[in-house]
Amino acid sequence: MIAAKLNAIEISLIVAAGILALPLMYAVHRGLNYCCLRHAHRFCRQHGFTISRWRCGPLFDDTGVKTEFTLVELDCLDGQKHRRLIRLSVWLFGIRNVLSDDKYPESYDEQALQTGG
């Protein structure tokens, strides 16, 4: 096995490149969340829902492997002002599918408060 020998200048350049890349990674992350939220807003507008709260996170398949899709959970109000919990599988180009569209469980708020979310 050949070991790479780096001098102090090369190490400094690698660290500086990593530090300079952080704002770019943050901008990409925020941009993807914004894009997913725009698709979710369009879905809610088409179905007559009003978004109260939302949360984005990674979507995992049945085996526990992260997919390229984002899970968007929406706390919405329908036309009769009833709360609904809608889970969408979203990616950069739109909504892949609706994972659930149920009445909002009141225990969901209690669980979120206990776990700090």
C-alpha atoms as a PDB file:
ATOM      1  CA  MET A   1       0.000   0.000   0.000  1.00  0.00           C
ATOM      2  CA  ILE A   2       1.375   3.381  -0.965  1.00  0.00           C
ATOM      3  CA  ALA A   3       0.992   6.105   1.643  1.00  0.00           C
ATOM      4  CA  ALA A   4       0.321   9.617   0.456  1.00  0.00           C
ATOM      5  CA  LYS A   5       2.702  12.172   1.851  1.00  0.00           C
ATOM      6  CA  LEU A   6       1.233  15.627   2.172  1.00  0.00           C
ATOM      7  CA  ASN A   7       3.119  18.672   3.296  1.00  0.00           C
ATOM      8  CA  ALA A   8       1.682  21.471   5.416  1.00  0.00           C
ATOM      9  CA  ILE A   9       0.688  23.613   2.412  1.00  0.00           C
ATOM     10  CA  GLU A  10      -1.298  20.787   0.780  1.00  0.00           C
ATOM     11  CA  ILE A  11      -3.091  20.010   4.038  1.00  0.00           C
ATOM     12  CA  SER A  12      -3.901  23.712   4.477  1.00  0.00           C
ATOM     13  CA  LEU A  13      -5.340  23.870   0.963  1.00  0.00           C
ATOM     14  CA  ILE A  14      -7.521  20.813   1.575  1.00  0.00           C
ATOM     15  CA  VAL A  15      -8.856  22.263   4.846  1.00  0.00           C
ATOM     16  CA  ALA A  16      -9.476  25.656   3.196  1.00  0.00           C
ATOM     17  CA  ALA A  17     -11.347  24.005   0.310  1.00  0.00           C
ATOM     18  CA  GLY A  18     -13.518  22.125   2.807  1.00  0.00           C
ATOM     19  CA  ILE A  19     -14.309  25.301   4.737  1.00  0.00           C
ATOM     20  CA  LEU A  20     -15.117  27.213   1.552  1.00  0.00           C
ATOM     21  CA  ALA A  21     -17.414  24.377   0.388  1.00  0.00           C
ATOM     22  CA  LEU A  22     -19.612  24.587   3.525  1.00  0.00           C
ATOM     23  CA  PRO A  23     -21.682  27.588   2.345  1.00  0.00           C
ATOM     24  CA  LEU A  24     -22.208  25.906  -1.021  1.00  0.00           C
ATOM     25  CA  MET A  25     -23.430  22.689   0.647  1.00  0.00           C
ATOM     26  CA  TYR A  26     -25.743  24.729   2.883  1.00  0.00           C
ATOM     27  CA  ALA A  27     -27.142  26.615  -0.121  1.00  0.00           C
ATOM     28  CA  VAL A  28     -27.786  23.359  -1.992  1.00  0.00           C
ATOM     29  CA  HIS A  29     -29.502  21.868   1.066  1.00  0.00           C
ATOM     30  CA  ARG A  30     -31.755  24.913   1.523  1.00  0.00           C
ATOM     31  CA  GLY A  31     -32.479  25.047  -2.210  1.00  0.00           C
ATOM     32  CA  LEU A  32     -33.614  21.418  -2.286  1.00  0.00           C
ATOM     33  CA  ASN A  33     -35.855  21.953   0.753  1.00  0.00           C
ATOM     34  CA  TYR A  34     -37.340  25.034  -0.925  1.00  0.00           C
ATOM     35  CA  CYS A  35     -37.971  23.101  -4.136  1.00  0.00           C
ATOM     36  CA  CYS A  36     -39.657  20.227  -2.266  1.00  0.00           C
ATOM     37  CA  LEU A  37     -41.788  22.672  -0.293  1.00  0.00           C
ATOM     38  CA  ARG A  38     -42.901  24.415  -3.513  1.00  0.00           C
ATOM     39  CA  HIS A  39     -44.106  21.075  -4.898  1.00  0.00           C
ATOM     40  CA  ALA A  40     -45.949  20.396  -1.618  1.00  0.00           C
ATOM     41  CA  HIS A  41     -47.589  23.859  -1.741  1.00  0.00           C
ATOM     42  CA  ARG A  42     -48.791  23.163  -5.273  1.00  0.00           C
ATOM     43  CA  PHE A  43     -50.226  19.799  -4.171  1.00  0.00           C
ATOM     44  CA  CYS A  44     -52.098  21.433  -1.269  1.00  0.00           C
ATOM     45  CA  ARG A  45     -53.412  24.259  -3.430  1.00  0.00           C
ATOM     46  CA  GLN A  46     -54.767  21.749  -5.981  1.00  0.00           C
ATOM     47  CA  HIS A  47     -56.528  19.754  -3.239  1.00  0.00           C
ATOM     48  CA  GLY A  48     -57.874  22.733  -1.286  1.00  0.00           C
ATOM     49  CA  PHE A  49     -55.603  22.400   1.769  1.00  0.00           C
ATOM     50  CA  THR A  50     -53.907  25.136   3.771  1.00  0.00           C
ATOM     51  CA  ILE A  51     -50.490  24.316   5.252  1.00  0.00           C
ATOM     52  CA  SER A  52     -50.087  25.052   8.962  1.00  0.00           C
ATOM     53  CA  ARG A  53     -46.736  23.364   9.563  1.00  0.00           C
ATOM     54  CA  TRP A  54     -44.303  21.300   7.532  1.00  0.00           C
ATOM     55  CA  ARG A  55     -41.230  19.158   8.008  1.00  0.00           C
ATOM     56  CA  CYS A  56     -38.765  17.665   5.516  1.00  0.00           C
ATOM     57  CA  GLY A  57     -36.508  14.689   6.029  1.00  0.00           C
ATOM     58  CA  PRO A  58     -34.830  11.831   4.198  1.00  0.00           C
ATOM     59  CA  LEU A  59     -37.004   9.022   2.845  1.00  0.00           C
ATOM     60  CA  PHE A  60     -35.892   5.427   3.419  1.00  0.00           C
ATOM     61  CA  ASP A  61     -37.063   2.328   1.558  1.00  0.00           C
ATOM     62  CA  ASP A  62     -38.299  -0.884   3.200  1.00  0.00           C
ATOM     63  CA  THR A  63     -34.772  -2.180   3.776  1.00  0.00           C
ATOM     64  CA  GLY A  64     -33.660   1.023   5.521  1.00  0.00           C
ATOM     65  CA  VAL A  65     -31.593   2.403   2.651  1.00  0.00           C
ATOM     66  CA  LYS A  66     -31.934   6.143   1.993  1.00  0.00           C
ATOM     67  CA  THR A  67     -33.526   6.937  -1.345  1.00  0.00           C
ATOM     68  CA  GLU A  68     -33.104  10.006  -3.534  1.00  0.00           C
ATOM     69  CA  PHE A  69     -36.546  11.217  -2.459  1.00  0.00           C
ATOM     70  CA  THR A  70     -37.503  13.515   0.413  1.00  0.00           C
ATOM     71  CA  LEU A  71     -40.276  12.862   2.911  1.00  0.00           C
ATOM     72  CA  VAL A  72     -42.420  15.965   3.380  1.00  0.00           C
ATOM     73  CA  GLU A  73     -44.905  15.901   6.262  1.00  0.00           C
ATOM     74  CA  LEU A  74     -47.606  18.553   6.144  1.00  0.00           C
ATOM     75  CA  ASP A  75     -49.992  19.595   8.898  1.00  0.00           C
ATOM     76  CA  CYS A  76     -52.869  20.949   6.798  1.00  0.00           C
ATOM     77  CA  LEU A  77     -56.367  22.287   7.196  1.00  0.00           C
ATOM     78  CA  ASP A  78     -58.963  21.063   4.719  1.00  0.00           C
ATOM     79  CA  GLY A  79     -62.023  22.992   3.516  1.00  0.00           C
ATOM     80  CA  GLN A  80     -63.958  22.220   6.725  1.00  0.00           C
ATOM     81  CA  LYS A  81     -61.008  23.363   8.893  1.00  0.00           C
ATOM     82  CA  HIS A  82     -60.189  19.804   9.995  1.00  0.00           C
ATOM     83  CA  ARG A  83     -56.510  19.020  10.536  1.00  0.00           C
ATOM     84  CA  ARG A  84     -54.923  16.472   8.222  1.00  0.00           C
ATOM     85  CA  LEU A  85     -51.480  14.874   8.225  1.00  0.00           C
ATOM     86  CA  ILE A  86     -50.223  14.400   4.674  1.00  0.00           C
ATOM     87  CA  ARG A  87     -46.975  12.594   3.897  1.00  0.00           C
ATOM     88  CA  LEU A  88     -45.527  13.061   0.433  1.00  0.00           C
ATOM     89  CA  SER A  89     -42.600  11.491  -1.351  1.00  0.00           C
ATOM     90  CA  VAL A  90     -41.049  14.432  -3.203  1.00  0.00           C
ATOM     91  CA  TRP A  91     -38.015  14.874  -5.399  1.00  0.00           C
ATOM     92  CA  LEU A  92     -36.509  17.684  -7.425  1.00  0.00           C
ATOM     93  CA  PHE A  93     -38.962  17.310 -10.331  1.00  0.00           C
ATOM     94  CA  GLY A  94     -42.227  16.947  -8.394  1.00  0.00           C
ATOM     95  CA  ILE A  95     -44.248  14.695  -6.165  1.00  0.00           C
ATOM     96  CA  ARG A  96     -43.517  11.017  -6.594  1.00  0.00           C
ATOM     97  CA  ASN A  97     -46.505   9.751  -4.600  1.00  0.00           C
ATOM     98  CA  VAL A  98     -48.740  10.390  -1.613  1.00  0.00           C
ATOM     99  CA  LEU A  99     -47.647   8.121   1.231  1.00  0.00           C
ATOM    100  CA  SER A 100     -50.570   8.955   3.527  1.00  0.00           C
ATOM    101  CA  ASP A 101     -53.438  11.401   3.808  1.00  0.00           C
ATOM    102  CA  ASP A 102     -55.091  10.871   7.177  1.00  0.00           C
ATOM    103  CA  LYS A 103     -56.876  12.753   9.914  1.00  0.00           C
ATOM    104  CA  TYR A 104     -54.254  14.431  12.100  1.00  0.00           C
ATOM    105  CA  PRO A 105     -53.645  12.258  15.197  1.00  0.00           C
ATOM    106  CA  GLU A 106     -53.680  14.370  18.375  1.00  0.00           C
ATOM    107  CA  SER A 107     -51.096  12.035  19.911  1.00  0.00           C
ATOM    108  CA  TYR A 108     -48.660  13.121  17.192  1.00  0.00           C
ATOM    109  CA  ASP A 109     -48.120  16.513  18.895  1.00  0.00           C
ATOM    110  CA  GLU A 110     -47.507  14.810  22.253  1.00  0.00           C
ATOM    111  CA  GLN A 111     -44.922  12.468  20.692  1.00  0.00           C
ATOM    112  CA  ALA A 112     -43.152  15.389  19.018  1.00  0.00           C
ATOM    113  CA  LEU A 113     -42.986  17.301  22.308  1.00  0.00           C
ATOM    114  CA  GLN A 114     -41.579  14.282  24.168  1.00  0.00           C
ATOM    115  CA  THR A 115     -38.868  13.661  21.542  1.00  0.00           C
ATOM    116  CA  GLY A 116     -38.038  17.350  21.213  1.00  0.00           C
ATOM    117  CA  GLY A 117     -39.274  17.612  17.607  1.00  0.00           C
END
